[in-house]
C-alpha atoms as a PDB file:
ATOM      1  CA  MET A   1      10.967  77.327  14.149  1.00  0.00           C
ATOM      2  CA  LEU A   2      12.751  78.371  10.961  1.00  0.00           C
ATOM      3  CA  GLU A   3      15.653  79.926  12.830  1.00  0.00           C
ATOM      4  CA  LEU A   4      15.615  76.176  15.468  1.00  0.00           C
ATOM      5  CA  LEU A   5      15.124  74.026  11.824  1.00  0.00           C
ATOM      6  CA  ASN A   6      18.296  75.827  10.354  1.00  0.00           C
ATOM      7  CA  ILE A   7      20.186  75.558  13.931  1.00  0.00           C
ATOM      8  CA  ILE A   8      19.619  71.348  13.797  1.00  0.00           C
ATOM      9  CA  SER A   9      20.492  71.482   9.978  1.00  0.00           C
ATOM     10  CA  MET A  10      23.948  73.163   9.990  1.00  0.00           C
ATOM     11  CA  GLY A  11      25.139  71.389  13.316  1.00  0.00           C
ATOM     12  CA  LEU A  12      24.063  68.016  11.782  1.00  0.00           C
ATOM     13  CA  ILE A  13      25.885  68.946   7.912  1.00  0.00           C
ATOM     14  CA  ILE A  14      28.857  69.636  10.841  1.00  0.00           C
ATOM     15  CA  LEU A  15      28.741  66.801  13.078  1.00  0.00           C
ATOM     16  CA  VAL A  16      27.566  63.894  10.916  1.00  0.00           C
ATOM     17  CA  PRO A  17      30.916  64.061   8.281  1.00  0.00           C
ATOM     18  CA  LEU A  18      33.464  64.807  11.556  1.00  0.00           C
ATOM     19  CA  ALA A  19      31.342  61.764  13.301  1.00  0.00           C
ATOM     20  CA  ASN A  20      31.670  59.216  10.445  1.00  0.00           C
ATOM     21  CA  PRO A  21      28.979  56.854  11.069  1.00  0.00           C
ATOM     22  CA  ILE A  22      29.737  54.162   8.166  1.00  0.00           C
ATOM     23  CA  THR A  23      33.336  54.525  10.078  1.00  0.00           C
ATOM     24  CA  THR A  24      31.805  53.704  12.668  1.00  0.00           C
ATOM     25  CA  VAL A  25      29.882  50.752  11.492  1.00  0.00           C
ATOM     26  CA  ALA A  26      33.116  49.459   9.608  1.00  0.00           C
ATOM     27  CA  LEU A  27      35.147  49.081  12.464  1.00  0.00           C
ATOM     28  CA  PHE A  28      31.826  47.138  13.950  1.00  0.00           C
ATOM     29  CA  ILE A  29      31.748  44.541  11.690  1.00  0.00           C
ATOM     30  CA  GLY A  30      35.739  43.969  12.902  1.00  0.00           C
ATOM     31  CA  LEU A  31      35.189  43.946  16.192  1.00  0.00           C
ATOM     32  CA  SER A  32      31.381  41.920  16.085  1.00  0.00           C
ATOM     33  CA  GLN A  33      32.419  38.465  14.340  1.00  0.00           C
ATOM     34  CA  ASN A  34      32.423  36.149  17.082  1.00  0.00           C
ATOM     35  CA  MET A  35      29.340  37.798  18.707  1.00  0.00           C
ATOM     36  CA  THR A  36      25.180  37.305  19.686  1.00  0.00           C
ATOM     37  CA  LYS A  37      23.042  39.311  16.564  1.00  0.00           C
ATOM     38  CA  GLN A  38      22.137  40.346  20.249  1.00  0.00           C
ATOM     39  CA  ASP A  39      24.544  41.436  21.804  1.00  0.00           C
ATOM     40  CA  LYS A  40      25.813  43.497  18.458  1.00  0.00           C
ATOM     41  CA  ASN A  41      21.754  44.994  18.869  1.00  0.00           C
ATOM     42  CA  ARG A  42      22.320  45.796  22.634  1.00  0.00           C
ATOM     43  CA  GLN A  43      25.734  47.138  21.339  1.00  0.00           C
ATOM     44  CA  ALA A  44      25.132  49.069  19.001  1.00  0.00           C
ATOM     45  CA  PHE A  45      21.781  51.024  20.882  1.00  0.00           C
ATOM     46  CA  LEU A  46      24.971  51.005  24.039  1.00  0.00           C
ATOM     47  CA  ALA A  47      27.093  52.865  21.209  1.00  0.00           C
ATOM     48  CA  SER A  48      24.080  55.765  20.224  1.00  0.00           C
ATOM     49  CA  VAL A  49      23.308  56.433  23.661  1.00  0.00           C
ATOM     50  CA  TYR A  50      26.901  57.176  25.033  1.00  0.00           C
ATOM     51  CA  VAL A  51      27.884  58.773  22.304  1.00  0.00           C
ATOM     52  CA  PHE A  52      24.617  61.284  22.652  1.00  0.00           C
ATOM     53  CA  LEU A  53      26.212  61.902  26.774  1.00  0.00           C
ATOM     54  CA  ILE A  54      29.561  62.181  25.312  1.00  0.00           C
ATOM     55  CA  LEU A  55      27.842  65.160  22.965  1.00  0.00           C
ATOM     56  CA  VAL A  56      26.000  66.546  25.140  1.00  0.00           C
ATOM     57  CA  ILE A  57      27.958  66.755  28.939  1.00  0.00           C
ATOM     58  CA  SER A  58      31.105  68.220  26.058  1.00  0.00           C
ATOM     59  CA  PHE A  59      28.330  71.216  25.027  1.00  0.00           C
ATOM     60  CA  TYR A  60      27.549  71.886  28.240  1.00  0.00           C
ATOM     61  CA  PHE A  61      30.812  71.026  30.042  1.00  0.00           C
ATOM     62  CA  GLY A  62      33.456  70.677  27.980  1.00  0.00           C
ATOM     63  CA  GLN A  63      35.025  72.979  29.015  1.00  0.00           C
ATOM     64  CA  PHE A  64      34.907  73.706  32.043  1.00  0.00           C
ATOM     65  CA  ILE A  65      35.769  70.130  32.423  1.00  0.00           C
ATOM     66  CA  MET A  66      39.082  70.760  30.028  1.00  0.00           C
ATOM     67  CA  LYS A  67      39.826  73.908  32.617  1.00  0.00           C
ATOM     68  CA  THR A  68      39.210  71.750  36.185  1.00  0.00           C
ATOM     69  CA  PHE A  69      42.430  69.743  34.583  1.00  0.00           C
ATOM     70  CA  GLY A  70      43.932  71.618  32.418  1.00  0.00           C
ATOM     71  CA  ILE A  71      43.806  70.295  29.030  1.00  0.00           C
ATOM     72  CA  SER A  72      43.892  71.396  25.691  1.00  0.00           C
ATOM     73  CA  ILE A  73      42.625  70.530  22.992  1.00  0.00           C
ATOM     74  CA  PRO A  74      46.231  69.515  21.812  1.00  0.00           C
ATOM     75  CA  GLY A  75      45.800  67.255  24.269  1.00  0.00           C
ATOM     76  CA  LEU A  76      42.816  66.658  23.717  1.00  0.00           C
ATOM     77  CA  ARG A  77      43.618  65.154  20.471  1.00  0.00           C
ATOM     78  CA  ILE A  78      46.894  63.464  21.009  1.00  0.00           C
ATOM     79  CA  ALA A  79      45.379  61.533  23.285  1.00  0.00           C
ATOM     80  CA  GLY A  80      42.293  60.433  20.983  1.00  0.00           C
ATOM     81  CA  GLY A  81      45.985  59.761  18.307  1.00  0.00           C
ATOM     82  CA  LEU A  82      47.143  57.139  20.752  1.00  0.00           C
ATOM     83  CA  ILE A  83      44.189  55.621  21.696  1.00  0.00           C
ATOM     84  CA  VAL A  84      42.997  55.141  18.468  1.00  0.00           C
ATOM     85  CA  ALA A  85      46.012  54.299  16.609  1.00  0.00           C
ATOM     86  CA  TYR A  86      45.980  51.337  19.359  1.00  0.00           C
ATOM     87  CA  ILE A  87      42.720  49.966  18.743  1.00  0.00           C
ATOM     88  CA  GLY A  88      44.574  49.477  15.359  1.00  0.00           C
ATOM     89  CA  PHE A  89      47.414  47.681  16.150  1.00  0.00           C
ATOM     90  CA  ARG A  90      44.723  45.553  17.882  1.00  0.00           C
ATOM     91  CA  MET A  91      43.200  45.135  14.868  1.00  0.00           C
ATOM     92  CA  LEU A  92      45.531  44.626  12.342  1.00  0.00           C
ATOM     93  CA  PHE A  93      47.510  41.751  14.072  1.00  0.00           C
ATOM     94  CA  PRO A  94      45.342  40.326  16.718  1.00  0.00           C
ATOM     95  CA  GLU A  95      46.078  38.394  19.329  1.00  0.00           C
ATOM     96  CA  LYS A  96      44.678  34.520  19.106  1.00  0.00           C
ATOM     97  CA  LYS A  97      42.285  33.315  21.966  1.00  0.00           C
ATOM     98  CA  ASP A  98      40.723  31.301  23.133  1.00  0.00           C
ATOM     99  CA  ASP A  99      36.011  31.911  22.555  1.00  0.00           C
ATOM    100  CA  ASP A 100      35.745  32.339  26.309  1.00  0.00           C
ATOM    101  CA  THR A 101      38.875  35.443  25.700  1.00  0.00           C
ATOM    102  CA  LYS A 102      36.880  36.526  22.614  1.00  0.00           C
ATOM    103  CA  THR A 103      33.709  36.926  23.844  1.00  0.00           C
ATOM    104  CA  GLN A 104      34.680  38.845  27.167  1.00  0.00           C
ATOM    105  CA  THR A 105      36.302  40.599  25.446  1.00  0.00           C
ATOM    106  CA  ILE A 106      33.551  41.685  22.189  1.00  0.00           C
ATOM    107  CA  LYS A 107      31.121  42.472  24.886  1.00  0.00           C
ATOM    108  CA  SER A 108      32.413  46.232  25.765  1.00  0.00           C
ATOM    109  CA  ILE A 109      32.931  47.732  22.607  1.00  0.00           C
ATOM    110  CA  ALA A 110      30.332  50.416  23.326  1.00  0.00           C
ATOM    111  CA  PHE A 111      31.499  52.918  24.977  1.00  0.00           C
ATOM    112  CA  VAL A 112      35.492  52.526  23.169  1.00  0.00           C
ATOM    113  CA  PRO A 113      35.893  52.825  20.619  1.00  0.00           C
ATOM    114  CA  LEU A 114      32.690  52.413  20.033  1.00  0.00           C
ATOM    115  CA  ALA A 115      31.226  55.748  21.061  1.00  0.00           C
ATOM    116  CA  MET A 116      34.336  57.405  21.193  1.00  0.00           C
ATOM    117  CA  PRO A 117      37.007  57.037  20.055  1.00  0.00           C
ATOM    118  CA  SER A 118      35.336  56.052  16.283  1.00  0.00           C
ATOM    119  CA  THR A 119      31.919  58.150  16.381  1.00  0.00           C
ATOM    120  CA  ALA A 120      33.093  61.412  18.552  1.00  0.00           C
ATOM    121  CA  GLY A 121      36.226  61.675  18.462  1.00  0.00           C
ATOM    122  CA  PRO A 122      39.018  64.477  19.694  1.00  0.00           C
ATOM    123  CA  GLY A 123      38.019  66.800  16.728  1.00  0.00           C
ATOM    124  CA  THR A 124      33.973  66.320  17.436  1.00  0.00           C
ATOM    125  CA  ILE A 125      34.997  67.382  20.755  1.00  0.00           C
ATOM    126  CA  ALA A 126      36.817  69.660  19.410  1.00  0.00           C
ATOM    127  CA  MET A 127      34.506  71.538  17.321  1.00  0.00           C
ATOM    128  CA  VAL A 128      31.420  70.304  20.143  1.00  0.00           C
ATOM    129  CA  ILE A 129      33.533  72.676  22.834  1.00  0.00           C
ATOM    130  CA  SER A 130      34.305  75.605  20.866  1.00  0.00           C
ATOM    131  CA  VAL A 131      30.694  76.100  19.697  1.00  0.00           C
ATOM    132  CA  ALA A 132      29.760  76.059  22.589  1.00  0.00           C
ATOM    133  CA  SER A 133      32.237  78.872  23.375  1.00  0.00           C
ATOM    134  CA  THR A 134      31.016  80.669  20.969  1.00  0.00           C
ATOM    135  CA  VAL A 135      27.054  80.670  21.592  1.00  0.00           C
ATOM    136  CA  HIS A 136      27.702  82.021  24.733  1.00  0.00           C
ATOM    137  CA  SER A 137      29.542  84.751  24.232  1.00  0.00           C
ATOM    138  CA  ASP A 138      28.369  88.553  24.917  1.00  0.00           C
ATOM    139  CA  GLN A 139      27.814  87.917  20.347  1.00  0.00           C
ATOM    140  CA  ASN A 140      25.248  85.305  20.223  1.00  0.00           C
ATOM    141  CA  THR A 141      22.059  87.510  18.798  1.00  0.00           C
ATOM    142  CA  THR A 142      20.448  84.236  18.742  1.00  0.00           C
ATOM    143  CA  PRO A 143      17.741  82.979  21.021  1.00  0.00           C
ATOM    144  CA  MET A 144      18.817  81.269  23.872  1.00  0.00           C
ATOM    145  CA  TRP A 145      15.894  78.745  23.985  1.00  0.00           C
ATOM    146  CA  ILE A 146      16.663  76.998  20.258  1.00  0.00           C
ATOM    147  CA  ILE A 147      20.855  76.487  21.829  1.00  0.00           C
ATOM    148  CA  TYR A 148      19.690  75.039  23.986  1.00  0.00           C
ATOM    149  CA  VAL A 149      17.190  72.360  22.232  1.00  0.00           C
ATOM    150  CA  SER A 150      18.783  71.776  19.713  1.00  0.00           C
ATOM    151  CA  SER A 151      22.248  71.125  21.297  1.00  0.00           C
ATOM    152  CA  ILE A 152      19.584  67.719  22.683  1.00  0.00           C
ATOM    153  CA  VAL A 153      18.019  67.249  19.441  1.00  0.00           C
ATOM    154  CA  VAL A 154      21.058  67.617  17.141  1.00  0.00           C
ATOM    155  CA  PRO A 155      23.548  64.719  18.865  1.00  0.00           C
ATOM    156  CA  LEU A 156      19.798  62.633  19.762  1.00  0.00           C
ATOM    157  CA  ILE A 157      19.573  62.546  15.552  1.00  0.00           C
ATOM    158  CA  LEU A 158      22.956  62.204  14.898  1.00  0.00           C
ATOM    159  CA  SER A 159      23.043  59.034  17.821  1.00  0.00           C
ATOM    160  CA  PHE A 160      19.637  57.893  16.322  1.00  0.00           C
ATOM    161  CA  ILE A 161      22.017  57.710  12.302  1.00  0.00           C
ATOM    162  CA  LEU A 162      24.726  55.755  14.077  1.00  0.00           C
ATOM    163  CA  TRP A 163      21.991  53.249  15.852  1.00  0.00           C
ATOM    164  CA  LEU A 164      20.177  52.760  11.918  1.00  0.00           C
ATOM    165  CA  SER A 165      23.751  52.958  10.870  1.00  0.00           C
ATOM    166  CA  LEU A 166      25.086  49.847  13.228  1.00  0.00           C
ATOM    167  CA  ARG A 167      22.064  47.277  12.935  1.00  0.00           C
ATOM    168  CA  SER A 168      22.609  48.136   8.581  1.00  0.00           C
ATOM    169  CA  ALA A 169      26.418  45.703  10.029  1.00  0.00           C
ATOM    170  CA  ASP A 170      24.498  42.392  10.435  1.00  0.00           C
ATOM    171  CA  THR A 171      23.511  42.630   6.533  1.00  0.00           C
ATOM    172  CA  ILE A 172      26.824  43.941   5.630  1.00  0.00           C
ATOM    173  CA  MET A 173      28.598  40.812   7.208  1.00  0.00           C
ATOM    174  CA  ARG A 174      26.130  38.603   5.104  1.00  0.00           C
ATOM    175  CA  ILE A 175      26.633  39.664   2.420  1.00  0.00           C
ATOM    176  CA  VAL A 176      30.752  40.611   2.521  1.00  0.00           C
ATOM    177  CA  GLY A 177      30.546  36.841   4.235  1.00  0.00           C
ATOM    178  CA  ARG A 178      33.662  35.506   6.920  1.00  0.00           C
ATOM    179  CA  ASN A 179      37.215  35.994   4.810  1.00  0.00           C
ATOM    180  CA  GLY A 180      35.137  39.599   4.233  1.00  0.00           C
ATOM    181  CA  VAL A 181      35.189  40.580   7.598  1.00  0.00           C
ATOM    182  CA  ASP A 182      38.754  40.024   8.394  1.00  0.00           C
ATOM    183  CA  ALA A 183      39.916  41.822   5.302  1.00  0.00           C
ATOM    184  CA  ILE A 184      37.394  44.905   6.231  1.00  0.00           C
ATOM    185  CA  SER A 185      38.693  44.226   9.644  1.00  0.00           C
ATOM    186  CA  ARG A 186      42.494  44.384   9.379  1.00  0.00           C
ATOM    187  CA  LEU A 187      41.496  47.519   6.420  1.00  0.00           C
ATOM    188  CA  MET A 188      40.191  49.405   8.955  1.00  0.00           C
ATOM    189  CA  GLY A 189      43.089  48.280  11.995  1.00  0.00           C
ATOM    190  CA  PHE A 190      44.806  50.352   9.464  1.00  0.00           C
ATOM    191  CA  LEU A 191      43.696  52.789   8.345  1.00  0.00           C
ATOM    192  CA  LEU A 192      42.763  53.392  11.733  1.00  0.00           C
ATOM    193  CA  VAL A 193      46.233  53.920  12.656  1.00  0.00           C
ATOM    194  CA  CYS A 194      46.978  56.164   9.851  1.00  0.00           C
ATOM    195  CA  MET A 195      43.740  58.444  12.114  1.00  0.00           C
ATOM    196  CA  GLY A 196      45.469  57.866  15.303  1.00  0.00           C
ATOM    197  CA  THR A 197      49.352  58.751  13.799  1.00  0.00           C
ATOM    198  CA  GLN A 198      46.801  61.629  12.336  1.00  0.00           C
ATOM    199  CA  PHE A 199      45.781  62.412  14.851  1.00  0.00           C
ATOM    200  CA  VAL A 200      48.505  62.911  16.976  1.00  0.00           C
ATOM    201  CA  ILE A 201      50.209  65.452  14.359  1.00  0.00           C
ATOM    202  CA  ASN A 202      47.865  67.432  14.034  1.00  0.00           C
ATOM    203  CA  GLY A 203      48.164  67.897  18.208  1.00  0.00           C
ATOM    204  CA  VAL A 204      51.167  68.771  17.437  1.00  0.00           C
ATOM    205  CA  LYS A 205      51.462  70.824  15.196  1.00  0.00           C
ATOM    206  CA  GLU A 206      48.810  73.037  16.869  1.00  0.00           C
ATOM    207  CA  ILE A 207      51.178  72.795  20.172  1.00  0.00           C
ATOM    208  CA  ILE A 208      53.627  74.936  17.760  1.00  0.00           C
ATOM    209  CA  LEU A 209      51.722  76.820  15.799  1.00  0.00           C
ATOM    210  CA  ASN A 210      50.510  77.758  19.190  1.00  0.00           C
ATOM    211  CA  PHE A 211      53.952  78.089  21.037  1.00  0.00           C
ATOM    212  CA  PRO A 212      54.592  81.971  22.078  1.00  0.00           C
ATOM    213  CA  ASN A 213      57.656  83.328  20.544  1.00  0.00           C
END
């Protein structure tokens, strides 16, 4: 039992900084300005569920999926970076639309960008796949039941942390006000463009370093 707790703690220590729920909260604040409280709660719950599913699927089937479709880790980083940068540009330079269009658009933010790539981004997915390849190798001495339990418990706890964080968004919005939310949205957009660019740079750098001489 002690070993199980140690592995769960280690998994959270590794994944929480990578997932960075605080960044997702700032993104959620920027994208949910026109939502009702019920819609916000629904998006928070769905995003948490999606994060859990993405992490579990990445752990058990990530390597298989990437091999089947010929996707490399650098390719995953570059694709994720382009998505993040695109979302950042849209937040930095928002298009003026009527209220109906806004309402229709913001109802689809749970999976993209909240769950992926904001929380379960390229770095998080790559780490999960890397850990999975390690624990399934012949050198692993950890009992399999501990691996199976921790592979469910760690994503579950991370998803719960994300859900609690997103539910606090209303309180933050009341404190900062409408102008503050708009400022946070634009600042978050700029940071997302920077993050997306860095993802692409890291992916290209990894390709260059691994390119055969």
